[in-house]
Amino acid sequence: MTVYYQFGSLQGLIEGICDSLAIAGGMDRMGDAFRRPDPLEALDEFIAVLMHFWESDRPVRRGLGALAVLDPDTAAFTPTTAWRAPSGTSTR
């Protein structure tokens, strides 16, 4: 009941996990990549940020991917189908 109270729903819980994964994976640095004046440096930074994200917390992302397969209603809000910016942050 405590988890439900904190997140309000399964979707809220999964969104919270995705926010945590994005923060831990360094996605907050993505905006820095887009602000680089040199396109090649921007691309290098973009790739570095994505590589760091996809290498972090693999077991959690795999579990979320399995959940998306088992429960199609959750597929729309797991990191396997779409990434979203953590609450209160912007990639711009």
N, C-alpha and C. Protein backbone atom coordinates (compact mmCIF):
# COMPACT_ATOMS: atom_id res chain seq x y z
N MET A 1 0.81 -1.18 0.00
CA MET A 1 0.00 0.00 0.00
C MET A 1 0.87 1.26 0.00
N THR A 2 2.04 1.20 0.64
CA THR A 2 2.92 2.36 0.70
C THR A 2 3.39 2.75 -0.70
N VAL A 3 3.75 1.75 -1.50
CA VAL A 3 4.20 2.03 -2.87
C VAL A 3 3.06 2.66 -3.67
N TYR A 4 1.85 2.10 -3.55
CA TYR A 4 0.72 2.66 -4.27
C TYR A 4 0.44 4.09 -3.82
N TYR A 5 0.55 4.34 -2.53
CA TYR A 5 0.30 5.69 -2.01
C TYR A 5 1.33 6.67 -2.57
N GLN A 6 2.58 6.24 -2.67
CA GLN A 6 3.65 7.11 -3.16
C GLN A 6 3.50 7.41 -4.66
N PHE A 7 3.15 6.40 -5.45
CA PHE A 7 3.14 6.56 -6.90
C PHE A 7 1.75 6.62 -7.50
N GLY A 8 0.74 6.19 -6.80
CA GLY A 8 -0.64 6.32 -7.25
C GLY A 8 -1.13 5.22 -8.17
N SER A 9 -0.23 4.58 -8.92
CA SER A 9 -0.64 3.54 -9.85
C SER A 9 0.60 2.80 -10.33
N LEU A 10 0.37 1.71 -11.05
CA LEU A 10 1.49 0.98 -11.64
C LEU A 10 2.23 1.88 -12.63
N GLN A 11 1.48 2.65 -13.41
CA GLN A 11 2.11 3.55 -14.37
C GLN A 11 2.98 4.58 -13.63
N GLY A 12 2.50 5.12 -12.54
CA GLY A 12 3.27 6.07 -11.77
C GLY A 12 4.55 5.45 -11.23
N LEU A 13 4.47 4.20 -10.77
CA LEU A 13 5.65 3.50 -10.28
C LEU A 13 6.67 3.30 -11.39
N ILE A 14 6.20 2.84 -12.55
CA ILE A 14 7.12 2.61 -13.67
C ILE A 14 7.72 3.93 -14.15
N GLU A 15 6.93 4.98 -14.20
CA GLU A 15 7.47 6.29 -14.58
C GLU A 15 8.53 6.75 -13.58
N GLY A 16 8.31 6.49 -12.29
CA GLY A 16 9.31 6.81 -11.28
C GLY A 16 10.59 6.03 -11.48
N ILE A 17 10.47 4.75 -11.81
CA ILE A 17 11.64 3.93 -12.09
C ILE A 17 12.37 4.47 -13.32
N CYS A 18 11.62 4.81 -14.37
CA CYS A 18 12.23 5.35 -15.59
C CYS A 18 12.94 6.67 -15.31
N ASP A 19 12.34 7.52 -14.49
CA ASP A 19 12.99 8.77 -14.10
C ASP A 19 14.31 8.48 -13.40
N SER A 20 14.28 7.53 -12.48
CA SER A 20 15.48 7.17 -11.74
C SER A 20 16.55 6.60 -12.67
N LEU A 21 16.13 5.76 -13.60
CA LEU A 21 17.08 5.20 -14.58
C LEU A 21 17.71 6.30 -15.43
N ALA A 22 16.90 7.25 -15.85
CA ALA A 22 17.41 8.34 -16.69
C ALA A 22 18.41 9.19 -15.92
N ILE A 23 18.12 9.49 -14.67
CA ILE A 23 19.03 10.30 -13.86
C ILE A 23 20.32 9.53 -13.61
N ALA A 24 20.20 8.27 -13.18
CA ALA A 24 21.38 7.45 -12.90
C ALA A 24 22.20 7.22 -14.16
N GLY A 25 21.54 7.17 -15.29
CA GLY A 25 22.23 6.93 -16.56
C GLY A 25 22.81 8.18 -17.19
N GLY A 26 22.65 9.33 -16.56
CA GLY A 26 23.25 10.56 -17.06
C GLY A 26 22.52 11.25 -18.18
N MET A 27 21.23 10.95 -18.35
CA MET A 27 20.49 11.58 -19.44
C MET A 27 20.34 13.08 -19.25
N ASP A 28 20.56 13.56 -18.03
CA ASP A 28 20.50 15.00 -17.81
C ASP A 28 21.63 15.73 -18.54
N ARG A 29 22.65 15.01 -18.98
CA ARG A 29 23.75 15.61 -19.75
C ARG A 29 23.43 15.74 -21.24
N MET A 30 22.28 15.22 -21.66
CA MET A 30 21.94 15.24 -23.09
C MET A 30 21.84 16.68 -23.61
N GLY A 31 21.31 17.59 -22.81
CA GLY A 31 21.21 18.98 -23.23
C GLY A 31 22.56 19.58 -23.56
N ASP A 32 23.60 19.18 -22.82
CA ASP A 32 24.96 19.67 -23.09
C ASP A 32 25.41 19.28 -24.49
N ALA A 33 25.06 18.08 -24.90
CA ALA A 33 25.44 17.62 -26.23
C ALA A 33 24.81 18.50 -27.31
N PHE A 34 23.56 18.88 -27.13
CA PHE A 34 22.87 19.68 -28.13
C PHE A 34 23.32 21.14 -28.14
N ARG A 35 23.97 21.57 -27.07
CA ARG A 35 24.45 22.96 -27.01
C ARG A 35 25.87 23.13 -27.54
N ARG A 36 26.52 22.06 -27.89
CA ARG A 36 27.89 22.18 -28.41
C ARG A 36 27.85 22.82 -29.79
N PRO A 37 28.73 23.80 -30.02
CA PRO A 37 28.73 24.49 -31.32
C PRO A 37 29.27 23.62 -32.46
N ASP A 38 30.19 22.75 -32.15
CA ASP A 38 30.79 21.90 -33.18
C ASP A 38 29.93 20.64 -33.34
N PRO A 39 29.42 20.37 -34.56
CA PRO A 39 28.53 19.22 -34.76
C PRO A 39 29.18 17.88 -34.43
N LEU A 40 30.45 17.72 -34.72
CA LEU A 40 31.11 16.44 -34.43
C LEU A 40 31.29 16.24 -32.92
N GLU A 41 31.62 17.31 -32.22
CA GLU A 41 31.71 17.22 -30.76
C GLU A 41 30.33 16.93 -30.16
N ALA A 42 29.31 17.54 -30.73
CA ALA A 42 27.94 17.30 -30.26
C ALA A 42 27.56 15.84 -30.46
N LEU A 43 27.90 15.30 -31.62
CA LEU A 43 27.61 13.90 -31.90
C LEU A 43 28.37 12.98 -30.96
N ASP A 44 29.64 13.28 -30.72
CA ASP A 44 30.44 12.48 -29.77
C ASP A 44 29.81 12.49 -28.39
N GLU A 45 29.39 13.67 -27.91
CA GLU A 45 28.78 13.78 -26.59
C GLU A 45 27.44 13.05 -26.55
N PHE A 46 26.65 13.19 -27.59
CA PHE A 46 25.37 12.50 -27.70
C PHE A 46 25.54 10.99 -27.58
N ILE A 47 26.49 10.45 -28.33
CA ILE A 47 26.76 9.01 -28.31
C ILE A 47 27.26 8.59 -26.94
N ALA A 48 28.15 9.38 -26.34
CA ALA A 48 28.68 9.05 -25.02
C ALA A 48 27.57 9.00 -23.97
N VAL A 49 26.66 9.95 -24.01
CA VAL A 49 25.56 9.98 -23.05
C VAL A 49 24.66 8.75 -23.24
N LEU A 50 24.31 8.45 -24.48
CA LEU A 50 23.46 7.29 -24.74
C LEU A 50 24.14 5.98 -24.34
N MET A 51 25.42 5.86 -24.64
CA MET A 51 26.14 4.64 -24.27
C MET A 51 26.16 4.47 -22.75
N HIS A 52 26.39 5.56 -22.04
CA HIS A 52 26.39 5.49 -20.58
C HIS A 52 25.01 5.08 -20.06
N PHE A 53 23.97 5.65 -20.64
CA PHE A 53 22.60 5.30 -20.22
C PHE A 53 22.31 3.82 -20.45
N TRP A 54 22.59 3.32 -21.65
CA TRP A 54 22.23 1.94 -21.97
C TRP A 54 23.11 0.93 -21.25
N GLU A 55 24.28 1.34 -20.77
CA GLU A 55 25.12 0.44 -20.00
C GLU A 55 24.77 0.42 -18.51
N SER A 56 24.02 1.39 -18.04
CA SER A 56 23.69 1.47 -16.62
C SER A 56 22.39 0.72 -16.32
N ASP A 57 22.34 0.09 -15.18
CA ASP A 57 21.13 -0.58 -14.67
C ASP A 57 20.48 -1.55 -15.66
N ARG A 58 21.30 -2.35 -16.32
CA ARG A 58 20.77 -3.30 -17.30
C ARG A 58 19.72 -4.26 -16.73
N PRO A 59 19.94 -4.82 -15.54
CA PRO A 59 18.93 -5.76 -15.03
C PRO A 59 17.55 -5.11 -14.83
N VAL A 60 17.54 -3.86 -14.40
CA VAL A 60 16.26 -3.16 -14.20
C VAL A 60 15.58 -2.93 -15.55
N ARG A 61 16.35 -2.48 -16.54
CA ARG A 61 15.76 -2.25 -17.87
C ARG A 61 15.25 -3.55 -18.48
N ARG A 62 15.99 -4.64 -18.27
CA ARG A 62 15.52 -5.93 -18.78
C ARG A 62 14.20 -6.34 -18.12
N GLY A 63 14.12 -6.12 -16.82
CA GLY A 63 12.88 -6.43 -16.11
C GLY A 63 11.71 -5.61 -16.63
N LEU A 64 11.96 -4.33 -16.89
CA LEU A 64 10.89 -3.49 -17.44
C LEU A 64 10.51 -3.93 -18.85
N GLY A 65 11.50 -4.37 -19.62
CA GLY A 65 11.21 -4.89 -20.95
C GLY A 65 10.36 -6.14 -20.89
N ALA A 66 10.68 -7.02 -19.93
CA ALA A 66 9.88 -8.24 -19.74
C ALA A 66 8.46 -7.89 -19.31
N LEU A 67 8.33 -6.91 -18.43
CA LEU A 67 7.00 -6.46 -18.00
C LEU A 67 6.20 -5.94 -19.19
N ALA A 68 6.85 -5.22 -20.09
CA ALA A 68 6.16 -4.68 -21.26
C ALA A 68 5.65 -5.80 -22.16
N VAL A 69 6.39 -6.91 -22.24
CA VAL A 69 5.96 -8.04 -23.05
C VAL A 69 4.79 -8.76 -22.38
N LEU A 70 4.88 -8.92 -21.06
CA LEU A 70 3.85 -9.65 -20.32
C LEU A 70 2.57 -8.85 -20.13
N ASP A 71 2.70 -7.53 -20.03
CA ASP A 71 1.54 -6.67 -19.80
C ASP A 71 1.55 -5.55 -20.83
N PRO A 72 0.87 -5.74 -21.95
CA PRO A 72 0.89 -4.75 -23.03
C PRO A 72 0.47 -3.33 -22.60
N ASP A 73 -0.33 -3.23 -21.54
CA ASP A 73 -0.74 -1.91 -21.06
C ASP A 73 0.44 -1.11 -20.53
N THR A 74 1.48 -1.78 -20.07
CA THR A 74 2.65 -1.08 -19.55
C THR A 74 3.67 -0.75 -20.63
N ALA A 75 3.54 -1.33 -21.80
CA ALA A 75 4.52 -1.14 -22.87
C ALA A 75 4.68 0.32 -23.28
N ALA A 76 3.63 1.09 -23.20
CA ALA A 76 3.68 2.49 -23.64
C ALA A 76 4.53 3.36 -22.73
N PHE A 77 4.81 2.93 -21.52
CA PHE A 77 5.58 3.79 -20.62
C PHE A 77 6.78 3.09 -20.01
N THR A 78 7.44 2.24 -20.79
CA THR A 78 8.69 1.62 -20.36
C THR A 78 9.82 2.13 -21.24
N PRO A 79 11.06 2.08 -20.76
CA PRO A 79 12.17 2.60 -21.55
C PRO A 79 12.46 1.80 -22.81
N THR A 80 11.84 0.63 -22.95
CA THR A 80 12.06 -0.15 -24.16
C THR A 80 11.26 0.41 -25.33
N THR A 81 10.24 1.21 -25.06
CA THR A 81 9.43 1.75 -26.14
C THR A 81 9.63 3.23 -26.35
N ALA A 82 9.96 3.95 -25.31
CA ALA A 82 10.17 5.40 -25.46
C ALA A 82 10.89 5.92 -24.23
N TRP A 83 11.73 6.91 -24.45
CA TRP A 83 12.39 7.56 -23.33
C TRP A 83 11.70 8.89 -23.10
N ARG A 84 11.55 9.23 -21.84
CA ARG A 84 10.97 10.54 -21.52
C ARG A 84 11.88 11.22 -20.53
N ALA A 85 11.91 12.53 -20.57
CA ALA A 85 12.75 13.29 -19.66
C ALA A 85 12.23 13.14 -18.24
N PRO A 86 13.14 13.01 -17.26
CA PRO A 86 12.68 12.93 -15.87
C PRO A 86 11.89 14.16 -15.49
N SER A 87 10.98 14.01 -14.57
CA SER A 87 10.15 15.13 -14.11
C SER A 87 11.02 16.28 -13.65
N GLY A 88 10.70 17.47 -14.11
CA GLY A 88 11.42 18.67 -13.69
C GLY A 88 12.71 18.93 -14.45
N THR A 89 13.02 18.12 -15.47
CA THR A 89 14.22 18.36 -16.25
C THR A 89 13.84 18.57 -17.70
N SER A 90 14.79 19.08 -18.43
CA SER A 90 14.56 19.31 -19.86
C SER A 90 15.80 18.91 -20.62
N THR A 91 15.62 18.39 -21.81
CA THR A 91 16.77 18.06 -22.65
C THR A 91 17.11 19.18 -23.59
N ARG A 92 16.50 20.33 -23.39
CA ARG A 92 16.78 21.48 -24.27
C ARG A 92 17.84 22.36 -23.68
